[in-house]
Amino acid sequence: MSEHSVKQCKSCPWRVGVDPERDIPGYRRAKHEGLRDTLRTGEVSLRGGRLMACHQSQEGSEAPCAGWIAHQIGPGNNLGLRLRVMTGGMPAPEVDGPQHESFEDTLPKKKRRRAS
């Protein structure tokens, strides 16, 4: 990883096949769902917004999530972030394998309660 890129971690919820409840220690669904406001999906915006930090970064020195950046400059169509990455104002993402197309896909599937 160079100073101009950020590498996706193995337990990134944007990676297909990752189960956040299983793969992320201390995972809390409510906190994950709260990250919706970091998305610009479908919204054409050149202004800045909130960033999704990598769950492995330390509080106070958060690193951006590579999977989130890849989504936002791709299917998320966040033009402002795309320009920041293109001009070196934000690290380019290095992702590993297939990625989820939507934020909803990053959430663990809700388990059905069995009737007694």
PDB file of N, CA and C in Angstrom:
ATOM      1  N   MET A   1       0.849  -1.183   0.000  1.00  0.00           N
ATOM      2  CA  MET A   1       0.000   0.000   0.000  1.00  0.00           C
ATOM      3  C   MET A   1       0.889   1.238   0.000  1.00  0.00           C
ATOM      4  N   SER A   2       0.612   2.164  -0.873  1.00  0.00           N
ATOM      5  CA  SER A   2       1.384   3.403  -0.916  1.00  0.00           C
ATOM      6  C   SER A   2       0.644   4.479  -0.136  1.00  0.00           C
ATOM      7  N   GLU A   3       1.267   5.637   0.004  1.00  0.00           N
ATOM      8  CA  GLU A   3       0.605   6.729   0.723  1.00  0.00           C
ATOM      9  C   GLU A   3      -0.596   7.258  -0.051  1.00  0.00           C
ATOM     10  N   HIS A   4      -0.712   6.875  -1.336  1.00  0.00           N
ATOM     11  CA  HIS A   4      -1.822   7.342  -2.163  1.00  0.00           C
ATOM     12  C   HIS A   4      -2.881   6.271  -2.379  1.00  0.00           C
ATOM     13  N   SER A   5      -2.821   5.191  -1.598  1.00  0.00           N
ATOM     14  CA  SER A   5      -3.830   4.146  -1.703  1.00  0.00           C
ATOM     15  C   SER A   5      -4.129   3.575  -0.323  1.00  0.00           C
ATOM     16  N   VAL A   6      -5.263   2.903  -0.243  1.00  0.00           N
ATOM     17  CA  VAL A   6      -5.661   2.235   0.990  1.00  0.00           C
ATOM     18  C   VAL A   6      -6.106   0.832   0.593  1.00  0.00           C
ATOM     19  N   LYS A   7      -5.567  -0.167   1.287  1.00  0.00           N
ATOM     20  CA  LYS A   7      -5.831  -1.568   0.961  1.00  0.00           C
ATOM     21  C   LYS A   7      -6.998  -2.108   1.791  1.00  0.00           C
ATOM     22  N   GLN A   8      -7.867  -2.827   1.140  1.00  0.00           N
ATOM     23  CA  GLN A   8      -9.033  -3.408   1.790  1.00  0.00           C
ATOM     24  C   GLN A   8      -8.616  -4.532   2.740  1.00  0.00           C
ATOM     25  N   CYS A   9      -9.199  -4.526   3.942  1.00  0.00           N
ATOM     26  CA  CYS A   9      -8.897  -5.582   4.905  1.00  0.00           C
ATOM     27  C   CYS A   9      -9.717  -6.833   4.577  1.00  0.00           C
ATOM     28  N   LYS A  10      -9.281  -7.963   5.091  1.00  0.00           N
ATOM     29  CA  LYS A  10      -9.933  -9.246   4.806  1.00  0.00           C
ATOM     30  C   LYS A  10     -11.355  -9.329   5.351  1.00  0.00           C
ATOM     31  N   SER A  11     -11.673  -8.566   6.400  1.00  0.00           N
ATOM     32  CA  SER A  11     -13.010  -8.631   6.991  1.00  0.00           C
ATOM     33  C   SER A  11     -13.871  -7.414   6.627  1.00  0.00           C
ATOM     34  N   CYS A  12     -13.535  -6.749   5.528  1.00  0.00           N
ATOM     35  CA  CYS A  12     -14.307  -5.581   5.082  1.00  0.00           C
ATOM     36  C   CYS A  12     -15.725  -6.005   4.715  1.00  0.00           C
ATOM     37  N   PRO A  13     -16.740  -5.334   5.258  1.00  0.00           N
ATOM     38  CA  PRO A  13     -18.117  -5.723   4.947  1.00  0.00           C
ATOM     39  C   PRO A  13     -18.502  -5.490   3.486  1.00  0.00           C
ATOM     40  N   TRP A  14     -17.716  -4.729   2.749  1.00  0.00           N
ATOM     41  CA  TRP A  14     -18.007  -4.515   1.323  1.00  0.00           C
ATOM     42  C   TRP A  14     -17.584  -5.705   0.471  1.00  0.00           C
ATOM     43  N   ARG A  15     -16.760  -6.601   1.015  1.00  0.00           N
ATOM     44  CA  ARG A  15     -16.341  -7.802   0.279  1.00  0.00           C
ATOM     45  C   ARG A  15     -17.447  -8.845   0.306  1.00  0.00           C
ATOM     46  N   VAL A  16     -17.760  -9.398  -0.858  1.00  0.00           N
ATOM     47  CA  VAL A  16     -18.727 -10.484  -0.936  1.00  0.00           C
ATOM     48  C   VAL A  16     -18.154 -11.674  -0.150  1.00  0.00           C
ATOM     49  N   GLY A  17     -18.976 -12.289   0.672  1.00  0.00           N
ATOM     50  CA  GLY A  17     -18.546 -13.440   1.461  1.00  0.00           C
ATOM     51  C   GLY A  17     -18.193 -13.121   2.899  1.00  0.00           C
ATOM     52  N   VAL A  18     -18.085 -11.844   3.231  1.00  0.00           N
ATOM     53  CA  VAL A  18     -17.802 -11.457   4.617  1.00  0.00           C
ATOM     54  C   VAL A  18     -19.120 -11.370   5.376  1.00  0.00           C
ATOM     55  N   ASP A  19     -19.161 -11.968   6.548  1.00  0.00           N
ATOM     56  CA  ASP A  19     -20.302 -11.874   7.446  1.00  0.00           C
ATOM     57  C   ASP A  19     -19.845 -11.020   8.622  1.00  0.00           C
ATOM     58  N   PRO A  20     -20.270  -9.748   8.663  1.00  0.00           N
ATOM     59  CA  PRO A  20     -19.792  -8.866   9.732  1.00  0.00           C
ATOM     60  C   PRO A  20     -19.999  -9.405  11.138  1.00  0.00           C
ATOM     61  N   GLU A  21     -21.127 -10.077  11.371  1.00  0.00           N
ATOM     62  CA  GLU A  21     -21.382 -10.621  12.713  1.00  0.00           C
ATOM     63  C   GLU A  21     -20.344 -11.667  13.095  1.00  0.00           C
ATOM     64  N   ARG A  22     -19.863 -12.412  12.137  1.00  0.00           N
ATOM     65  CA  ARG A  22     -18.882 -13.466  12.380  1.00  0.00           C
ATOM     66  C   ARG A  22     -17.450 -12.938  12.278  1.00  0.00           C
ATOM     67  N   ASP A  23     -17.196 -12.052  11.328  1.00  0.00           N
ATOM     68  CA  ASP A  23     -15.831 -11.679  10.968  1.00  0.00           C
ATOM     69  C   ASP A  23     -15.292 -10.400  11.618  1.00  0.00           C
ATOM     70  N   ILE A  24     -16.161  -9.587  12.214  1.00  0.00           N
ATOM     71  CA  ILE A  24     -15.716  -8.331  12.820  1.00  0.00           C
ATOM     72  C   ILE A  24     -15.927  -8.404  14.331  1.00  0.00           C
ATOM     73  N   PRO A  25     -14.841  -8.486  15.102  1.00  0.00           N
ATOM     74  CA  PRO A  25     -14.976  -8.536  16.565  1.00  0.00           C
ATOM     75  C   PRO A  25     -15.706  -7.298  17.094  1.00  0.00           C
ATOM     76  N   GLY A  26     -16.650  -7.507  17.997  1.00  0.00           N
ATOM     77  CA  GLY A  26     -17.392  -6.398  18.592  1.00  0.00           C
ATOM     78  C   GLY A  26     -18.419  -5.776  17.671  1.00  0.00           C
ATOM     79  N   TYR A  27     -18.774  -6.471  16.596  1.00  0.00           N
ATOM     80  CA  TYR A  27     -19.724  -5.936  15.611  1.00  0.00           C
ATOM     81  C   TYR A  27     -21.051  -5.569  16.263  1.00  0.00           C
ATOM     82  N   ARG A  28     -21.577  -4.390  15.859  1.00  0.00           N
ATOM     83  CA  ARG A  28     -22.901  -3.955  16.309  1.00  0.00           C
ATOM     84  C   ARG A  28     -23.695  -3.503  15.088  1.00  0.00           C
ATOM     85  N   ARG A  29     -24.789  -4.179  14.811  1.00  0.00           N
ATOM     86  CA  ARG A  29     -25.600  -3.887  13.631  1.00  0.00           C
ATOM     87  C   ARG A  29     -26.088  -2.431  13.624  1.00  0.00           C
ATOM     88  N   ALA A  30     -26.518  -1.912  14.768  1.00  0.00           N
ATOM     89  CA  ALA A  30     -27.030  -0.539  14.819  1.00  0.00           C
ATOM     90  C   ALA A  30     -25.957   0.459  14.372  1.00  0.00           C
ATOM     91  N   LYS A  31     -24.730   0.224  14.784  1.00  0.00           N
ATOM     92  CA  LYS A  31     -23.634   1.107  14.378  1.00  0.00           C
ATOM     93  C   LYS A  31     -23.394   0.985  12.865  1.00  0.00           C
ATOM     94  N   HIS A  32     -23.444  -0.244  12.350  1.00  0.00           N
ATOM     95  CA  HIS A  32     -23.276  -0.486  10.921  1.00  0.00           C
ATOM     96  C   HIS A  32     -24.377   0.237  10.141  1.00  0.00           C
ATOM     97  N   GLU A  33     -25.632   0.082  10.561  1.00  0.00           N
ATOM     98  CA  GLU A  33     -26.751   0.730   9.876  1.00  0.00           C
ATOM     99  C   GLU A  33     -26.625   2.249   9.908  1.00  0.00           C
ATOM    100  N   GLY A  34     -25.989   2.785  10.954  1.00  0.00           N
ATOM    101  CA  GLY A  34     -25.786   4.221  11.062  1.00  0.00           C
ATOM    102  C   GLY A  34     -24.844   4.786  10.016  1.00  0.00           C
ATOM    103  N   LEU A  35     -24.136   3.907   9.315  1.00  0.00           N
ATOM    104  CA  LEU A  35     -23.205   4.370   8.281  1.00  0.00           C
ATOM    105  C   LEU A  35     -23.905   4.739   6.975  1.00  0.00           C
ATOM    106  N   ARG A  36     -25.213   4.544   6.912  1.00  0.00           N
ATOM    107  CA  ARG A  36     -25.954   4.919   5.693  1.00  0.00           C
ATOM    108  C   ARG A  36     -25.730   6.383   5.326  1.00  0.00           C
ATOM    109  N   ASP A  37     -25.580   7.236   6.328  1.00  0.00           N
ATOM    110  CA  ASP A  37     -25.424   8.666   6.024  1.00  0.00           C
ATOM    111  C   ASP A  37     -24.046   9.023   5.473  1.00  0.00           C
ATOM    112  N   THR A  38     -23.179   8.027   5.273  1.00  0.00           N
ATOM    113  CA  THR A  38     -21.893   8.287   4.611  1.00  0.00           C
ATOM    114  C   THR A  38     -22.009   8.085   3.098  1.00  0.00           C
ATOM    115  N   LEU A  39     -23.168   7.614   2.650  1.00  0.00           N
ATOM    116  CA  LEU A  39     -23.359   7.277   1.238  1.00  0.00           C
ATOM    117  C   LEU A  39     -23.934   8.434   0.446  1.00  0.00           C
ATOM    118  N   ARG A  40     -23.585   8.479  -0.805  1.00  0.00           N
ATOM    119  CA  ARG A  40     -24.143   9.469  -1.719  1.00  0.00           C
ATOM    120  C   ARG A  40     -24.801   8.760  -2.898  1.00  0.00           C
ATOM    121  N   THR A  41     -25.238   7.524  -2.691  1.00  0.00           N
ATOM    122  CA  THR A  41     -25.800   6.708  -3.755  1.00  0.00           C
ATOM    123  C   THR A  41     -26.919   7.437  -4.481  1.00  0.00           C
ATOM    124  N   GLY A  42     -26.728   7.589  -5.797  1.00  0.00           N
ATOM    125  CA  GLY A  42     -27.739   8.213  -6.633  1.00  0.00           C
ATOM    126  C   GLY A  42     -27.786   9.725  -6.534  1.00  0.00           C
ATOM    127  N   GLU A  43     -27.099  10.313  -5.609  1.00  0.00           N
ATOM    128  CA  GLU A  43     -27.116  11.763  -5.433  1.00  0.00           C
ATOM    129  C   GLU A  43     -25.891  12.352  -6.119  1.00  0.00           C
ATOM    130  N   VAL A  44     -26.110  13.291  -7.007  1.00  0.00           N
ATOM    131  CA  VAL A  44     -24.990  13.969  -7.660  1.00  0.00           C
ATOM    132  C   VAL A  44     -24.562  15.093  -6.737  1.00  0.00           C
ATOM    133  N   SER A  45     -23.373  14.973  -6.194  1.00  0.00           N
ATOM    134  CA  SER A  45     -22.895  15.938  -5.224  1.00  0.00           C
ATOM    135  C   SER A  45     -21.403  16.148  -5.384  1.00  0.00           C
ATOM    136  N   LEU A  46     -20.988  17.388  -5.368  1.00  0.00           N
ATOM    137  CA  LEU A  46     -19.564  17.711  -5.402  1.00  0.00           C
ATOM    138  C   LEU A  46     -19.082  18.152  -4.032  1.00  0.00           C
ATOM    139  N   ARG A  47     -20.002  18.313  -3.084  1.00  0.00           N
ATOM    140  CA  ARG A  47     -19.602  18.740  -1.747  1.00  0.00           C
ATOM    141  C   ARG A  47     -19.117  17.540  -0.942  1.00  0.00           C
ATOM    142  N   GLY A  48     -18.374  17.824   0.076  1.00  0.00           N
ATOM    143  CA  GLY A  48     -17.864  16.758   0.936  1.00  0.00           C
ATOM    144  C   GLY A  48     -18.963  16.146   1.780  1.00  0.00           C
ATOM    145  N   GLY A  49     -18.672  15.069   2.398  1.00  0.00           N
ATOM    146  CA  GLY A  49     -19.625  14.399   3.262  1.00  0.00           C
ATOM    147  C   GLY A  49     -18.866  13.596   4.291  1.00  0.00           C
ATOM    148  N   ARG A  50     -19.599  12.794   5.016  1.00  0.00           N
ATOM    149  CA  ARG A  50     -18.975  11.930   6.017  1.00  0.00           C
ATOM    150  C   ARG A  50     -18.312  10.753   5.334  1.00  0.00           C
ATOM    151  N   LEU A  51     -17.258  10.259   5.945  1.00  0.00           N
ATOM    152  CA  LEU A  51     -16.530   9.119   5.416  1.00  0.00           C
ATOM    153  C   LEU A  51     -16.785   7.898   6.279  1.00  0.00           C
ATOM    154  N   MET A  52     -16.703   6.724   5.662  1.00  0.00           N
ATOM    155  CA  MET A  52     -16.777   5.472   6.410  1.00  0.00           C
ATOM    156  C   MET A  52     -15.352   5.047   6.712  1.00  0.00           C
ATOM    157  N   ALA A  53     -15.022   4.939   7.990  1.00  0.00           N
ATOM    158  CA  ALA A  53     -13.677   4.520   8.400  1.00  0.00           C
ATOM    159  C   ALA A  53     -13.587   2.999   8.399  1.00  0.00           C
ATOM    160  N   CYS A  54     -12.397   2.499   8.189  1.00  0.00           N
ATOM    161  CA  CYS A  54     -12.143   1.063   8.291  1.00  0.00           C
ATOM    162  C   CYS A  54     -12.359   0.653   9.747  1.00  0.00           C
ATOM    163  N   HIS A  55     -13.054  -0.451   9.956  1.00  0.00           N
ATOM    164  CA  HIS A  55     -13.335  -0.918  11.320  1.00  0.00           C
ATOM    165  C   HIS A  55     -12.063  -1.341  12.050  1.00  0.00           C
ATOM    166  N   GLN A  56     -10.951  -1.530  11.329  1.00  0.00           N
ATOM    167  CA  GLN A  56      -9.703  -1.918  11.975  1.00  0.00           C
ATOM    168  C   GLN A  56      -8.841  -0.711  12.361  1.00  0.00           C
ATOM    169  N   SER A  57      -9.234   0.488  11.929  1.00  0.00           N
ATOM    170  CA  SER A  57      -8.431   1.659  12.285  1.00  0.00           C
ATOM    171  C   SER A  57      -8.725   2.077  13.720  1.00  0.00           C
ATOM    172  N   GLN A  58      -7.778   2.762  14.313  1.00  0.00           N
ATOM    173  CA  GLN A  58      -7.882   3.183  15.709  1.00  0.00           C
ATOM    174  C   GLN A  58      -8.665   4.486  15.829  1.00  0.00           C
ATOM    175  N   GLU A  59      -9.478   4.582  16.864  1.00  0.00           N
ATOM    176  CA  GLU A  59     -10.235   5.801  17.108  1.00  0.00           C
ATOM    177  C   GLU A  59      -9.269   6.966  17.282  1.00  0.00           C
ATOM    178  N   GLY A  60      -9.543   8.045  16.582  1.00  0.00           N
ATOM    179  CA  GLY A  60      -8.680   9.221  16.620  1.00  0.00           C
ATOM    180  C   GLY A  60      -7.704   9.274  15.456  1.00  0.00           C
ATOM    181  N   SER A  61      -7.420   8.129  14.836  1.00  0.00           N
ATOM    182  CA  SER A  61      -6.560   8.104  13.652  1.00  0.00           C
ATOM    183  C   SER A  61      -7.183   7.153  12.619  1.00  0.00           C
ATOM    184  N   GLU A  62      -8.466   7.403  12.342  1.00  0.00           N
ATOM    185  CA  GLU A  62      -9.224   6.558  11.435  1.00  0.00           C
ATOM    186  C   GLU A  62      -8.699   6.630  10.006  1.00  0.00           C
ATOM    187  N   ALA A  63      -8.666   5.479   9.363  1.00  0.00           N
ATOM    188  CA  ALA A  63      -8.310   5.375   7.949  1.00  0.00           C
ATOM    189  C   ALA A  63      -9.601   5.106   7.180  1.00  0.00           C
ATOM    190  N   PRO A  64      -9.735   5.639   5.987  1.00  0.00           N
ATOM    191  CA  PRO A  64     -10.958   5.382   5.227  1.00  0.00           C
ATOM    192  C   PRO A  64     -11.056   3.911   4.821  1.00  0.00           C
ATOM    193  N   CYS A  65     -12.275   3.425   4.690  1.00  0.00           N
ATOM    194  CA  CYS A  65     -12.543   2.048   4.276  1.00  0.00           C
ATOM    195  C   CYS A  65     -12.363   1.944   2.761  1.00  0.00           C
ATOM    196  N   ALA A  66     -11.479   1.042   2.322  1.00  0.00           N
ATOM    197  CA  ALA A  66     -11.211   0.873   0.886  1.00  0.00           C
ATOM    198  C   ALA A  66     -12.462   0.404   0.149  1.00  0.00           C
ATOM    199  N   GLY A  67     -13.222  -0.507   0.749  1.00  0.00           N
ATOM    200  CA  GLY A  67     -14.441  -0.994   0.109  1.00  0.00           C
ATOM    201  C   GLY A  67     -15.459   0.117  -0.076  1.00  0.00           C
ATOM    202  N   TRP A  68     -15.587   0.966   0.938  1.00  0.00           N
ATOM    203  CA  TRP A  68     -16.510   2.102   0.861  1.00  0.00           C
ATOM    204  C   TRP A  68     -16.077   3.068  -0.236  1.00  0.00           C
ATOM    205  N   ILE A  69     -14.776   3.387  -0.294  1.00  0.00           N
ATOM    206  CA  ILE A  69     -14.287   4.300  -1.339  1.00  0.00           C
ATOM    207  C   ILE A  69     -14.581   3.712  -2.715  1.00  0.00           C
ATOM    208  N   ALA A  70     -14.278   2.417  -2.898  1.00  0.00           N
ATOM    209  CA  ALA A  70     -14.511   1.771  -4.200  1.00  0.00           C
ATOM    210  C   ALA A  70     -15.985   1.846  -4.583  1.00  0.00           C
ATOM    211  N   HIS A  71     -16.876   1.632  -3.615  1.00  0.00           N
ATOM    212  CA  HIS A  71     -18.304   1.723  -3.908  1.00  0.00           C
ATOM    213  C   HIS A  71     -18.693   3.151  -4.277  1.00  0.00           C
ATOM    214  N   GLN A  72     -18.227   4.102  -3.508  1.00  0.00           N
ATOM    215  CA  GLN A  72     -18.640   5.486  -3.726  1.00  0.00           C
ATOM    216  C   GLN A  72     -18.101   6.097  -5.023  1.00  0.00           C
ATOM    217  N   ILE A  73     -16.921   5.682  -5.457  1.00  0.00           N
ATOM    218  CA  ILE A  73     -16.406   6.230  -6.722  1.00  0.00           C
ATOM    219  C   ILE A  73     -16.874   5.397  -7.923  1.00  0.00           C
ATOM    220  N   GLY A  74     -17.524   4.256  -7.640  1.00  0.00           N
ATOM    221  CA  GLY A  74     -18.072   3.396  -8.685  1.00  0.00           C
ATOM    222  C   GLY A  74     -19.588   3.462  -8.678  1.00  0.00           C
ATOM    223  N   PRO A  75     -20.246   2.367  -8.251  1.00  0.00           N
ATOM    224  CA  PRO A  75     -21.710   2.317  -8.305  1.00  0.00           C
ATOM    225  C   PRO A  75     -22.403   3.403  -7.481  1.00  0.00           C
ATOM    226  N   GLY A  76     -21.756   3.897  -6.423  1.00  0.00           N
ATOM    227  CA  GLY A  76     -22.361   4.942  -5.591  1.00  0.00           C
ATOM    228  C   GLY A  76     -22.419   6.289  -6.272  1.00  0.00           C
ATOM    229  N   ASN A  77     -21.612   6.476  -7.312  1.00  0.00           N
ATOM    230  CA  ASN A  77     -21.614   7.691  -8.124  1.00  0.00           C
ATOM    231  C   ASN A  77     -21.415   8.972  -7.309  1.00  0.00           C
ATOM    232  N   ASN A  78     -20.493   8.928  -6.348  1.00  0.00           N
ATOM    233  CA  ASN A  78     -20.175  10.096  -5.539  1.00  0.00           C
ATOM    234  C   ASN A  78     -19.109  10.897  -6.302  1.00  0.00           C
ATOM    235  N   LEU A  79     -19.573  11.871  -7.069  1.00  0.00           N
ATOM    236  CA  LEU A  79     -18.663  12.626  -7.939  1.00  0.00           C
ATOM    237  C   LEU A  79     -17.631  13.411  -7.157  1.00  0.00           C
ATOM    238  N   GLY A  80     -18.029  13.981  -6.024  1.00  0.00           N
ATOM    239  CA  GLY A  80     -17.083  14.734  -5.208  1.00  0.00           C
ATOM    240  C   GLY A  80     -15.928  13.865  -4.739  1.00  0.00           C
ATOM    241  N   LEU A  81     -16.247  12.670  -4.246  1.00  0.00           N
ATOM    242  CA  LEU A  81     -15.203  11.751  -3.787  1.00  0.00           C
ATOM    243  C   LEU A  81     -14.368  11.259  -4.969  1.00  0.00           C
ATOM    244  N   ARG A  82     -15.025  10.984  -6.088  1.00  0.00           N
ATOM    245  CA  ARG A  82     -14.292  10.550  -7.285  1.00  0.00           C
ATOM    246  C   ARG A  82     -13.246  11.596  -7.686  1.00  0.00           C
ATOM    247  N   LEU A  83     -13.625  12.862  -7.653  1.00  0.00           N
ATOM    248  CA  LEU A  83     -12.677  13.937  -7.984  1.00  0.00           C
ATOM    249  C   LEU A  83     -11.547  14.010  -6.960  1.00  0.00           C
ATOM    250  N   ARG A  84     -11.876  13.824  -5.683  1.00  0.00           N
ATOM    251  CA  ARG A  84     -10.833  13.854  -4.645  1.00  0.00           C
ATOM    252  C   ARG A  84      -9.823  12.737  -4.854  1.00  0.00           C
ATOM    253  N   VAL A  85     -10.291  11.536  -5.214  1.00  0.00           N
ATOM    254  CA  VAL A  85      -9.386  10.424  -5.470  1.00  0.00           C
ATOM    255  C   VAL A  85      -8.542  10.707  -6.715  1.00  0.00           C
ATOM    256  N   MET A  86      -9.177  11.212  -7.763  1.00  0.00           N
ATOM    257  CA  MET A  86      -8.473  11.478  -9.023  1.00  0.00           C
ATOM    258  C   MET A  86      -7.383  12.538  -8.859  1.00  0.00           C
ATOM    259  N   THR A  87      -7.596  13.502  -7.974  1.00  0.00           N
ATOM    260  CA  THR A  87      -6.630  14.586  -7.794  1.00  0.00           C
ATOM    261  C   THR A  87      -5.650  14.340  -6.647  1.00  0.00           C
ATOM    262  N   GLY A  88      -5.739  13.144  -6.014  1.00  0.00           N
ATOM    263  CA  GLY A  88      -4.813  12.799  -4.936  1.00  0.00           C
ATOM    264  C   GLY A  88      -5.216  13.323  -3.575  1.00  0.00           C
ATOM    265  N   GLY A  89      -6.417  13.890  -3.443  1.00  0.00           N
ATOM    266  CA  GLY A  89      -6.886  14.393  -2.159  1.00  0.00           C
ATOM    267  C   GLY A  89      -7.441  13.311  -1.258  1.00  0.00           C
ATOM    268  N   MET A  90      -7.583  12.110  -1.798  1.00  0.00           N
ATOM    269  CA  MET A  90      -8.117  10.966  -1.063  1.00  0.00           C
ATOM    270  C   MET A  90      -7.393   9.740  -1.604  1.00  0.00           C
ATOM    271  N   PRO A  91      -7.066   8.769  -0.745  1.00  0.00           N
ATOM    272  CA  PRO A  91      -6.352   7.584  -1.250  1.00  0.00           C
ATOM    273  C   PRO A  91      -7.213   6.760  -2.206  1.00  0.00           C
ATOM    274  N   ALA A  92      -6.575   6.174  -3.209  1.00  0.00           N
ATOM    275  CA  ALA A  92      -7.260   5.263  -4.127  1.00  0.00           C
ATOM    276  C   ALA A  92      -7.447   3.921  -3.424  1.00  0.00           C
ATOM    277  N   PRO A  93      -8.584   3.267  -3.647  1.00  0.00           N
ATOM    278  CA  PRO A  93      -8.818   1.988  -2.984  1.00  0.00           C
ATOM    279  C   PRO A  93      -8.151   0.828  -3.713  1.00  0.00           C
ATOM    280  N   GLU A  94      -7.636  -0.121  -2.932  1.00  0.00           N
ATOM    281  CA  GLU A  94      -7.152  -1.393  -3.458  1.00  0.00           C
ATOM    282  C   GLU A  94      -8.066  -2.453  -2.867  1.00  0.00           C
ATOM    283  N   VAL A  95      -8.996  -2.966  -3.685  1.00  0.00           N
ATOM    284  CA  VAL A  95      -9.948  -3.952  -3.179  1.00  0.00           C
ATOM    285  C   VAL A  95      -9.543  -5.350  -3.618  1.00  0.00           C
ATOM    286  N   ASP A  96     -10.040  -6.341  -2.878  1.00  0.00           N
ATOM    287  CA  ASP A  96      -9.659  -7.726  -3.085  1.00  0.00           C
ATOM    288  C   ASP A  96     -10.901  -8.577  -3.319  1.00  0.00           C
ATOM    289  N   GLY A  97     -11.158  -8.960  -4.554  1.00  0.00           N
ATOM    290  CA  GLY A  97     -12.278  -9.838  -4.875  1.00  0.00           C
ATOM    291  C   GLY A  97     -13.560  -9.091  -5.153  1.00  0.00           C
ATOM    292  N   PRO A  98     -14.643  -9.860  -5.359  1.00  0.00           N
ATOM    293  CA  PRO A  98     -15.944  -9.266  -5.665  1.00  0.00           C
ATOM    294  C   PRO A  98     -16.438  -8.384  -4.513  1.00  0.00           C
ATOM    295  N   GLN A  99     -17.103  -7.300  -4.880  1.00  0.00           N
ATOM    296  CA  GLN A  99     -17.610  -6.322  -3.911  1.00  0.00           C
ATOM    297  C   GLN A  99     -19.136  -6.254  -3.992  1.00  0.00           C
ATOM    298  N   HIS A 100     -19.762  -5.883  -2.876  1.00  0.00           N
ATOM    299  CA  HIS A 100     -21.212  -5.699  -2.862  1.00  0.00           C
ATOM    300  C   HIS A 100     -21.584  -4.475  -3.685  1.00  0.00           C
ATOM    301  N   GLU A 101     -22.724  -4.547  -4.331  1.00  0.00           N
ATOM    302  CA  GLU A 101     -23.218  -3.451  -5.170  1.00  0.00           C
ATOM    303  C   GLU A 101     -23.948  -2.371  -4.363  1.00  0.00           C
ATOM    304  N   SER A 102     -24.436  -2.743  -3.172  1.00  0.00           N
ATOM    305  CA  SER A 102     -25.203  -1.767  -2.390  1.00  0.00           C
ATOM    306  C   SER A 102     -24.857  -1.888  -0.908  1.00  0.00           C
ATOM    307  N   PHE A 103     -25.136  -0.828  -0.179  1.00  0.00           N
ATOM    308  CA  PHE A 103     -24.911  -0.829   1.265  1.00  0.00           C
ATOM    309  C   PHE A 103     -25.748  -1.915   1.939  1.00  0.00           C
ATOM    310  N   GLU A 104     -27.004  -2.074   1.511  1.00  0.00           N
ATOM    311  CA  GLU A 104     -27.882  -3.078   2.115  1.00  0.00           C
ATOM    312  C   GLU A 104     -27.259  -4.466   2.049  1.00  0.00           C
ATOM    313  N   ASP A 105     -26.520  -4.746   0.972  1.00  0.00           N
ATOM    314  CA  ASP A 105     -25.881  -6.054   0.832  1.00  0.00           C
ATOM    315  C   ASP A 105     -24.748  -6.260   1.836  1.00  0.00           C
ATOM    316  N   THR A 106     -24.206  -5.187   2.416  1.00  0.00           N
ATOM    317  CA  THR A 106     -23.115  -5.320   3.391  1.00  0.00           C
ATOM    318  C   THR A 106     -23.625  -5.739   4.764  1.00  0.00           C
ATOM    319  N   LEU A 107     -24.919  -5.546   5.010  1.00  0.00           N
ATOM    320  CA  LEU A 107     -25.504  -5.887   6.306  1.00  0.00           C
ATOM    321  C   LEU A 107     -25.729  -7.392   6.395  1.00  0.00           C
ATOM    322  N   PRO A 108     -25.526  -7.974   7.587  1.00  0.00           N
ATOM    323  CA  PRO A 108     -25.823  -9.402   7.739  1.00  0.00           C
ATOM    324  C   PRO A 108     -27.313  -9.641   7.539  1.00  0.00           C
ATOM    325  N   LYS A 109     -27.626 -10.792   7.013  1.00  0.00           N
ATOM    326  CA  LYS A 109     -29.033 -11.149   6.815  1.00  0.00           C
ATOM    327  C   LYS A 109     -29.684 -11.338   8.175  1.00  0.00           C
ATOM    328  N   LYS A 110     -30.866 -10.758   8.329  1.00  0.00           N
ATOM    329  CA  LYS A 110     -31.597 -10.917   9.598  1.00  0.00           C
ATOM    330  C   LYS A 110     -32.041 -12.348   9.731  1.00  0.00           C
ATOM    331  N   LYS A 111     -31.827 -12.876  10.904  1.00  0.00           N
ATOM    332  CA  LYS A 111     -32.185 -14.263  11.173  1.00  0.00           C
ATOM    333  C   LYS A 111     -33.670 -14.327  11.519  1.00  0.00           C
ATOM    334  N   ARG A 112     -34.351 -15.296  10.930  1.00  0.00           N
ATOM    335  CA  ARG A 112     -35.774 -15.491  11.213  1.00  0.00           C
ATOM    336  C   ARG A 112     -35.918 -16.247  12.529  1.00  0.00           C
ATOM    337  N   ARG A 113     -36.898 -15.814  13.289  1.00  0.00           N
ATOM    338  CA  ARG A 113     -37.218 -16.554  14.522  1.00  0.00           C
ATOM    339  C   ARG A 113     -38.051 -17.763  14.157  1.00  0.00           C
ATOM    340  N   ARG A 114     -37.715 -18.868  14.765  1.00  0.00           N
ATOM    341  CA  ARG A 114     -38.482 -20.082  14.516  1.00  0.00           C
ATOM    342  C   ARG A 114     -39.700 -20.110  15.408  1.00  0.00           C
ATOM    343  N   ALA A 115     -40.830 -20.474  14.805  1.00  0.00           N
ATOM    344  CA  ALA A 115     -42.071 -20.575  15.576  1.00  0.00           C
ATOM    345  C   ALA A 115     -41.988 -21.791  16.502  1.00  0.00           C
ATOM    346  N   SER A 116     -42.527 -21.625  17.712  1.00  0.00           N
ATOM    347  CA  SER A 116     -42.481 -22.755  18.639  1.00  0.00           C
ATOM    348  C   SER A 116     -43.759 -23.533  18.621  1.00  0.00           C
TER     349      SER A 116
END
